[in-house]
């Protein structure tokens, strides 16, 4: 059960909000630290402890992948069952990635070297360097979510018209405008994005020269692992033990990444209740994917294991009803398909090819609400 906070704390929190607020149109924006100061005293101490039991998920999913790979490579099942086995591998690929994500934030273990090793195995399906991820995602994205220099933010109209690469990506590759070919951003998105961020690491200043070399080495080591697997199992089997599972894993991972922020407005303040969206699924699926859809909660407490996301959600809903934004995963994906991915202004999405405009999500509540 969530604890009701006192009238005194409510007044103090409200006063802090009034001193620190910025505006997006008529919507106040509050720094993430303001929410954290209000929420943290009423969260149990154990919610901030590393979730070390998650470490067991790495060998479990690795065992599933190895067993399924052997099953396909040795022909232990009829051919028509092979795609089902590939699906199992793809799900484990995605789940490893969720473990790697949580590990890099320090939510599983605090030791820097150990979490780096865990994350390398977690990101192995996408041959993504944990060093790159820590710079691109943990340091830059979390500090600048949906602000102009967020690496995960879709472009505005000026950026769209200024870059042929942006135009090609948006028009041919991105989910939106009711274009079914936009499904390619689900099928290939995280693989393409990871490679793109590695190529841009120097220009964007994510990594110093030595760190870039190490990030490339970590990526090359991952590629070498999968090349070895290809040699051992053969070309046809490799399509079913890696290529098809990777496409499946992309769909699972990108279905979350795209719904995290892409329906939300551009902001000037790192306000997770405005710039982020939580998506919900059946409980069994949330358990399988480590509550990755609880993204507002994650941006409030990145170093907290997502197993505690429901506790944070309950408190946020209690204190900021109407401001907290959440919908089902299916509804969010449907909105992505129907709307656009280019920002005409901070709160309007536009499809440059048709001129159709769509409003971003915006909260309705503004202030701390006493229990």
Protein backbone atom coordinates (compact mmCIF):
# COMPACT_ATOMS: atom_id res chain seq x y z
CA UNK A 1 0.00 0.00 0.00
CA UNK A 2 1.24 3.51 -0.71
CA UNK A 3 1.57 5.89 2.22
CA UNK A 4 -0.35 9.17 2.28
CA UNK A 5 2.01 12.07 2.67
CA UNK A 6 1.25 14.79 5.22
CA UNK A 7 -0.38 18.10 4.48
CA UNK A 8 2.87 19.80 5.47
CA UNK A 9 4.88 17.79 2.95
CA UNK A 10 2.25 18.45 0.30
CA UNK A 11 2.52 22.18 0.90
CA UNK A 12 6.34 22.08 0.88
CA UNK A 13 6.34 20.06 -2.37
CA UNK A 14 3.84 22.45 -3.93
CA UNK A 15 6.03 25.41 -2.95
CA UNK A 16 9.05 23.78 -4.60
CA UNK A 17 7.01 23.25 -7.77
CA UNK A 18 5.97 26.87 -7.85
CA UNK A 19 9.59 28.01 -7.53
CA UNK A 20 10.99 25.71 -10.20
CA UNK A 21 8.27 25.55 -12.83
CA UNK A 22 8.74 26.25 -16.52
CA UNK A 23 6.05 26.12 -19.16
CA UNK A 24 5.23 24.25 -22.35
CA UNK A 25 2.39 26.39 -23.60
CA UNK A 26 0.10 26.40 -20.58
CA UNK A 27 1.54 23.18 -19.16
CA UNK A 28 4.03 23.64 -16.30
CA UNK A 29 7.28 21.68 -16.56
CA UNK A 30 9.09 20.49 -13.44
CA UNK A 31 12.64 19.09 -13.18
CA UNK A 32 12.89 15.39 -12.39
CA UNK A 33 14.58 16.19 -9.06
CA UNK A 34 11.39 17.89 -7.87
CA UNK A 35 9.38 14.70 -8.31
CA UNK A 36 12.13 12.62 -6.73
CA UNK A 37 12.23 14.82 -3.62
CA UNK A 38 8.50 14.36 -3.22
CA UNK A 39 8.40 10.61 -3.86
CA UNK A 40 11.56 9.23 -2.29
CA UNK A 41 10.60 9.62 1.41
CA UNK A 42 7.52 7.43 0.91
CA UNK A 43 9.21 4.59 -0.96
CA UNK A 44 10.45 1.66 1.17
CA UNK A 45 14.27 1.48 1.52
CA UNK A 46 14.37 -1.93 -0.18
CA UNK A 47 13.14 -0.40 -3.43
CA UNK A 48 16.54 1.27 -3.83
CA UNK A 49 18.58 -1.90 -3.22
CA UNK A 50 20.14 -3.75 -6.19
CA UNK A 51 17.93 -6.58 -7.48
CA UNK A 52 20.74 -9.17 -7.47
CA UNK A 53 18.39 -12.06 -8.17
CA UNK A 54 18.11 -10.70 -11.71
CA UNK A 55 21.65 -12.00 -12.28
CA UNK A 56 20.14 -15.48 -12.63
CA UNK A 57 18.32 -14.36 -15.78
CA UNK A 58 21.56 -14.20 -17.79
CA UNK A 59 22.44 -17.93 -17.49
CA UNK A 60 18.76 -18.89 -17.82
CA UNK A 61 18.31 -17.09 -21.13
CA UNK A 62 21.74 -18.16 -22.35
CA UNK A 63 20.80 -21.79 -21.63
CA UNK A 64 17.53 -21.35 -23.55
CA UNK A 65 19.40 -19.89 -26.53
CA UNK A 66 22.06 -22.62 -26.55
CA UNK A 67 19.48 -25.41 -26.21
CA UNK A 68 17.31 -23.95 -28.96
CA UNK A 69 20.34 -23.44 -31.22
CA UNK A 70 21.38 -27.07 -30.79
CA UNK A 71 17.82 -28.16 -31.45
CA UNK A 72 17.74 -26.34 -34.79
CA UNK A 73 21.31 -27.11 -35.84
CA UNK A 74 20.95 -30.84 -35.15
CA UNK A 75 17.49 -31.19 -36.68
CA UNK A 76 15.89 -32.45 -33.47
CA UNK A 77 12.46 -31.06 -34.42
CA UNK A 78 10.43 -31.13 -37.65
CA UNK A 79 11.05 -28.22 -40.01
CA UNK A 80 7.66 -26.63 -39.34
CA UNK A 81 8.55 -26.33 -35.63
CA UNK A 82 11.83 -24.51 -36.33
CA UNK A 83 10.22 -21.01 -36.61
CA UNK A 84 8.63 -21.57 -33.19
CA UNK A 85 12.06 -22.38 -31.76
CA UNK A 86 13.38 -19.22 -33.44
CA UNK A 87 10.62 -17.26 -31.70
CA UNK A 88 11.80 -18.63 -28.35
CA UNK A 89 15.37 -17.54 -29.13
CA UNK A 90 14.14 -14.08 -30.18
CA UNK A 91 12.23 -13.64 -26.93
CA UNK A 92 15.35 -14.58 -24.95
CA UNK A 93 17.41 -12.13 -27.05
CA UNK A 94 15.01 -9.34 -26.09
CA UNK A 95 14.92 -10.37 -22.43
CA UNK A 96 18.72 -10.37 -22.27
CA UNK A 97 18.65 -6.82 -23.61
CA UNK A 98 16.26 -5.75 -20.85
CA UNK A 99 18.60 -7.30 -18.28
CA UNK A 100 21.56 -5.47 -19.84
CA UNK A 101 19.65 -2.19 -19.72
CA UNK A 102 18.78 -2.60 -16.05
CA UNK A 103 22.31 -3.73 -15.20
CA UNK A 104 23.97 -0.69 -16.81
CA UNK A 105 21.83 1.59 -14.67
CA UNK A 106 23.17 -0.13 -11.56
CA UNK A 107 19.79 -1.61 -10.66
CA UNK A 108 21.13 -5.18 -10.45
CA UNK A 109 24.65 -4.70 -9.13
CA UNK A 110 26.69 -1.62 -8.35
CA UNK A 111 30.19 -2.85 -9.19
CA UNK A 112 31.17 -1.06 -12.40
CA UNK A 113 33.21 -3.85 -13.98
CA UNK A 114 30.74 -6.61 -13.14
CA UNK A 115 27.75 -4.68 -14.47
CA UNK A 116 29.74 -3.97 -17.63
CA UNK A 117 30.37 -7.70 -18.18
CA UNK A 118 26.71 -8.52 -17.47
CA UNK A 119 25.60 -5.89 -19.93
CA UNK A 120 27.95 -7.13 -22.64
CA UNK A 121 26.20 -10.51 -22.49
CA UNK A 122 22.83 -8.78 -22.24
CA UNK A 123 23.46 -6.70 -25.37
CA UNK A 124 25.25 -9.50 -27.26
CA UNK A 125 22.30 -10.22 -29.61
CA UNK A 126 22.58 -6.63 -30.90
CA UNK A 127 26.41 -6.56 -30.64
CA UNK A 128 25.94 -3.31 -28.72
CA UNK A 129 28.85 -2.05 -26.65
CA UNK A 130 27.88 -1.37 -23.01
CA UNK A 131 30.39 1.48 -23.10
CA UNK A 132 28.47 3.11 -25.95
CA UNK A 133 25.12 2.45 -24.27
CA UNK A 134 26.28 4.06 -21.02
CA UNK A 135 27.24 7.23 -22.92
CA UNK A 136 24.37 7.42 -25.40
CA UNK A 137 21.51 6.22 -23.21
CA UNK A 138 22.44 6.54 -19.54
CA UNK A 139 24.30 9.85 -19.65
CA UNK A 140 22.78 11.76 -22.58
CA UNK A 141 19.25 10.46 -23.14
CA UNK A 142 18.31 10.29 -19.46
CA UNK A 143 19.58 13.80 -18.82
CA UNK A 144 17.96 15.29 -21.95
CA UNK A 145 14.85 13.20 -22.67
CA UNK A 146 12.84 14.79 -25.52
CA UNK A 147 14.95 17.93 -25.41
CA UNK A 148 16.54 19.26 -28.59
CA UNK A 149 19.81 17.35 -28.15
CA UNK A 150 18.29 14.02 -27.08
CA UNK A 151 19.81 11.39 -29.44
CA UNK A 152 16.52 9.45 -29.42
CA UNK A 153 14.33 12.40 -30.41
CA UNK A 154 12.69 12.58 -33.83
CA UNK A 155 13.54 15.76 -35.81
CA UNK A 156 11.61 18.98 -36.17
CA UNK A 157 10.63 20.30 -39.60
CA UNK A 158 13.89 22.22 -39.99
CA UNK A 159 15.93 19.11 -39.25
CA UNK A 160 13.77 17.05 -41.59
CA UNK A 161 14.24 19.43 -44.52
CA UNK A 162 17.94 19.95 -43.81
CA UNK A 163 18.90 16.27 -43.98
CA UNK A 164 18.24 13.84 -46.83
CA UNK A 165 19.07 11.01 -44.46
CA UNK A 166 16.42 12.23 -42.01
CA UNK A 167 13.86 12.51 -44.82
CA UNK A 168 14.60 9.00 -46.06
CA UNK A 169 14.43 7.58 -42.54
CA UNK A 170 11.16 9.30 -41.69
CA UNK A 171 9.39 8.74 -45.02
CA UNK A 172 10.50 5.17 -45.69
CA UNK A 173 11.46 3.67 -42.38
CA UNK A 174 9.57 5.24 -39.46
CA UNK A 175 6.31 4.11 -37.93
CA UNK A 176 3.60 6.68 -38.67
CA UNK A 177 1.34 8.19 -41.31
CA UNK A 178 -0.52 4.87 -41.54
CA UNK A 179 2.37 3.60 -43.69
CA UNK A 180 2.75 -0.12 -43.11
CA UNK A 181 6.34 -0.04 -44.36
CA UNK A 182 7.00 1.86 -41.15
CA UNK A 183 6.98 -1.56 -39.55
CA UNK A 184 10.61 -1.74 -40.71
CA UNK A 185 11.47 0.51 -37.77
CA UNK A 186 10.19 -2.26 -35.51
CA UNK A 187 11.88 -5.11 -37.37
CA UNK A 188 15.29 -3.46 -37.79
CA UNK A 189 15.22 -0.38 -35.57
CA UNK A 190 17.40 -1.22 -32.59
CA UNK A 191 20.05 -2.92 -34.71
CA UNK A 192 20.24 0.10 -37.04
CA UNK A 193 20.11 2.61 -34.20
CA UNK A 194 22.91 0.89 -32.27
CA UNK A 195 25.21 0.86 -35.33
CA UNK A 196 24.32 4.48 -36.10
CA UNK A 197 25.14 5.68 -32.59
CA UNK A 198 28.51 3.95 -32.73
CA UNK A 199 29.32 5.73 -35.99
CA UNK A 200 28.26 9.08 -34.50
CA UNK A 201 30.02 8.64 -31.15
CA UNK A 202 32.93 10.88 -32.16
CA UNK A 203 30.90 13.65 -33.80
CA UNK A 204 28.44 13.82 -30.92
CA UNK A 205 31.16 13.69 -28.30
CA UNK A 206 29.77 10.66 -26.50
CA UNK A 207 33.15 8.95 -26.10
CA UNK A 208 36.78 10.02 -25.98
CA UNK A 209 39.22 8.38 -28.41
CA UNK A 210 40.24 5.57 -26.07
CA UNK A 211 36.64 4.82 -25.13
CA UNK A 212 35.62 4.75 -28.79
CA UNK A 213 38.31 2.17 -29.53
CA UNK A 214 37.14 0.03 -26.63
CA UNK A 215 33.51 0.37 -27.73
CA UNK A 216 34.46 -0.76 -31.24
CA UNK A 217 36.43 -3.66 -29.77
CA UNK A 218 33.40 -4.74 -27.70
CA UNK A 219 31.24 -4.55 -30.82
CA UNK A 220 33.80 -6.50 -32.87
CA UNK A 221 33.98 -9.20 -30.20
CA UNK A 222 30.20 -9.60 -30.35
CA UNK A 223 30.31 -9.87 -34.15
CA UNK A 224 33.06 -12.49 -33.85
CA UNK A 225 30.88 -14.56 -31.53
CA UNK A 226 28.04 -14.66 -34.04
CA UNK A 227 30.37 -15.33 -36.97
CA UNK A 228 31.69 -18.33 -35.04
CA UNK A 229 28.14 -19.53 -34.47
CA UNK A 230 27.46 -19.16 -38.21
CA UNK A 231 30.50 -21.28 -39.05
CA UNK A 232 29.53 -23.96 -36.53
CA UNK A 233 25.85 -24.31 -37.46
CA UNK A 234 25.94 -23.50 -41.18
CA UNK A 235 24.24 -20.82 -43.23
CA UNK A 236 20.66 -22.12 -43.27
CA UNK A 237 20.58 -22.94 -39.58
CA UNK A 238 22.10 -19.54 -38.79
CA UNK A 239 19.12 -17.85 -40.40
CA UNK A 240 16.94 -19.51 -37.77
CA UNK A 241 19.26 -19.33 -34.76
CA UNK A 242 20.28 -15.69 -35.20
CA UNK A 243 18.80 -13.71 -38.12
CA UNK A 244 15.11 -14.47 -37.56
CA UNK A 245 15.44 -14.28 -33.73
CA UNK A 246 17.17 -10.91 -34.09
CA UNK A 247 14.24 -9.56 -36.11
CA UNK A 248 11.86 -10.83 -33.43
CA UNK A 249 13.96 -9.26 -30.66
CA UNK A 250 14.00 -5.96 -32.56
CA UNK A 251 10.22 -5.94 -32.69
CA UNK A 252 9.91 -6.58 -28.95
CA UNK A 253 12.53 -4.02 -27.93
CA UNK A 254 11.55 -1.32 -30.43
CA UNK A 255 7.86 -1.63 -29.62
CA UNK A 256 8.83 -0.25 -26.21
CA UNK A 257 11.50 2.24 -27.31
CA UNK A 258 9.20 3.88 -29.85
CA UNK A 259 6.33 4.21 -27.39
CA UNK A 260 8.54 5.57 -24.58
CA UNK A 261 8.75 9.14 -25.92
CA UNK A 262 7.66 9.40 -29.56
CA UNK A 263 4.07 10.44 -28.79
CA UNK A 264 5.22 13.03 -26.27
CA UNK A 265 6.12 16.70 -26.79
CA UNK A 266 9.54 18.29 -27.11
CA UNK A 267 10.46 19.93 -23.82
CA UNK A 268 12.98 22.38 -22.40
CA UNK A 269 13.06 20.78 -18.94
CA UNK A 270 13.68 17.13 -18.11
CA UNK A 271 10.12 16.44 -16.90
CA UNK A 272 9.36 12.68 -17.15
CA UNK A 273 5.63 13.13 -16.56
CA UNK A 274 5.41 15.24 -19.71
CA UNK A 275 8.12 13.78 -21.95
CA UNK A 276 7.59 10.06 -21.20
CA UNK A 277 4.79 7.51 -21.49
CA UNK A 278 4.18 4.33 -19.52
CA UNK A 279 2.65 1.44 -21.47
CA UNK A 280 0.97 -1.52 -19.82
CA UNK A 281 0.60 -5.16 -20.84
CA UNK A 282 -0.85 -8.36 -19.40
CA UNK A 283 0.96 -9.14 -16.16
CA UNK A 284 2.71 -12.25 -17.51
CA UNK A 285 4.19 -10.21 -20.36
CA UNK A 286 5.31 -7.46 -18.01
CA UNK A 287 7.10 -10.03 -15.87
CA UNK A 288 8.77 -11.53 -18.93
CA UNK A 289 9.98 -8.13 -20.17
CA UNK A 290 11.00 -6.87 -16.71
CA UNK A 291 8.35 -4.11 -16.57
CA UNK A 292 10.21 -2.24 -19.31
CA UNK A 293 7.02 -0.43 -20.27
CA UNK A 294 6.96 1.53 -17.00
CA UNK A 295 9.02 4.28 -18.50
CA UNK A 296 7.83 7.31 -16.54
CA UNK A 297 8.83 5.42 -13.41
CA UNK A 298 12.18 4.48 -14.93
CA UNK A 299 13.03 8.09 -15.78
CA UNK A 300 12.15 9.12 -12.24
CA UNK A 301 14.40 6.45 -10.68
CA UNK A 302 16.77 4.99 -13.32
CA UNK A 303 18.90 3.11 -10.77
CA UNK A 304 15.86 1.40 -9.25
CA UNK A 305 15.00 -2.09 -10.48
CA UNK A 306 11.82 -2.03 -12.52
CA UNK A 307 10.42 -4.77 -10.27
CA UNK A 308 9.41 -1.85 -8.02
CA UNK A 309 7.80 0.18 -10.80
CA UNK A 310 4.26 -0.49 -9.55
CA UNK A 311 5.07 1.13 -6.20
CA UNK A 312 6.31 4.26 -7.93
CA UNK A 313 3.31 4.24 -10.28
CA UNK A 314 0.85 4.12 -7.37
CA UNK A 315 2.49 7.10 -5.64
CA UNK A 316 2.66 9.16 -8.83
CA UNK A 317 -0.99 8.46 -9.63
CA UNK A 318 -1.93 9.49 -6.10
CA UNK A 319 -0.05 12.78 -6.19
CA UNK A 320 -0.39 13.90 -9.80
CA UNK A 321 -3.69 12.49 -11.11
CA UNK A 322 -4.15 13.53 -14.70
CA UNK A 323 -0.52 14.47 -15.08
CA UNK A 324 0.78 10.89 -15.15
CA UNK A 325 0.45 9.48 -18.67
CA UNK A 326 -0.18 5.81 -19.33
CA UNK A 327 -2.01 3.63 -21.84
CA UNK A 328 -1.92 0.06 -23.05
CA UNK A 329 1.00 -1.00 -25.21
CA UNK A 330 -1.35 -1.87 -28.08
CA UNK A 331 -3.04 1.54 -27.95
CA UNK A 332 0.32 3.34 -28.00
CA UNK A 333 1.50 1.36 -31.03
CA UNK A 334 -1.77 2.13 -32.78
CA UNK A 335 -1.29 5.85 -32.15
CA UNK A 336 2.26 5.68 -33.48
CA UNK A 337 0.95 4.10 -36.68
CA UNK A 338 -1.79 6.72 -37.12
CA UNK A 339 0.18 9.87 -36.25
CA UNK A 340 3.47 11.44 -37.49
CA UNK A 341 7.09 11.53 -36.34
CA UNK A 342 8.21 15.06 -37.25
CA UNK A 343 7.67 17.97 -34.86
CA UNK A 344 6.04 21.07 -36.35
CA UNK A 345 6.37 22.67 -32.94
CA UNK A 346 6.81 21.42 -29.39
CA UNK A 347 3.31 19.97 -29.12
CA UNK A 348 2.36 19.26 -32.75
CA UNK A 349 3.46 16.35 -34.94
CA UNK A 350 3.24 16.78 -38.70
CA UNK A 351 3.52 14.46 -41.67
CA UNK A 352 5.59 16.47 -44.19
CA UNK A 353 4.36 14.39 -47.11
CA UNK A 354 0.65 15.04 -46.47
CA UNK A 355 0.59 18.06 -44.16
CA UNK A 356 -1.55 16.14 -41.64
CA UNK A 357 -1.07 17.39 -38.07
CA UNK A 358 -1.52 15.61 -34.76
CA UNK A 359 -1.30 16.80 -31.17
CA UNK A 360 1.25 15.17 -28.87
CA UNK A 361 0.18 13.74 -25.55
CA UNK A 362 -0.14 16.34 -22.80
CA UNK A 363 -1.04 15.95 -19.13
CA UNK A 364 -4.04 17.61 -17.56
CA UNK A 365 -2.84 17.89 -13.94
CA UNK A 366 -0.26 20.40 -12.71
CA UNK A 367 0.29 20.35 -8.96
CA UNK A 368 0.97 18.07 -6.03
CA UNK A 369 -2.30 16.75 -4.63
CA UNK A 370 -2.50 16.08 -0.86
CA UNK A 371 -3.75 12.63 0.13
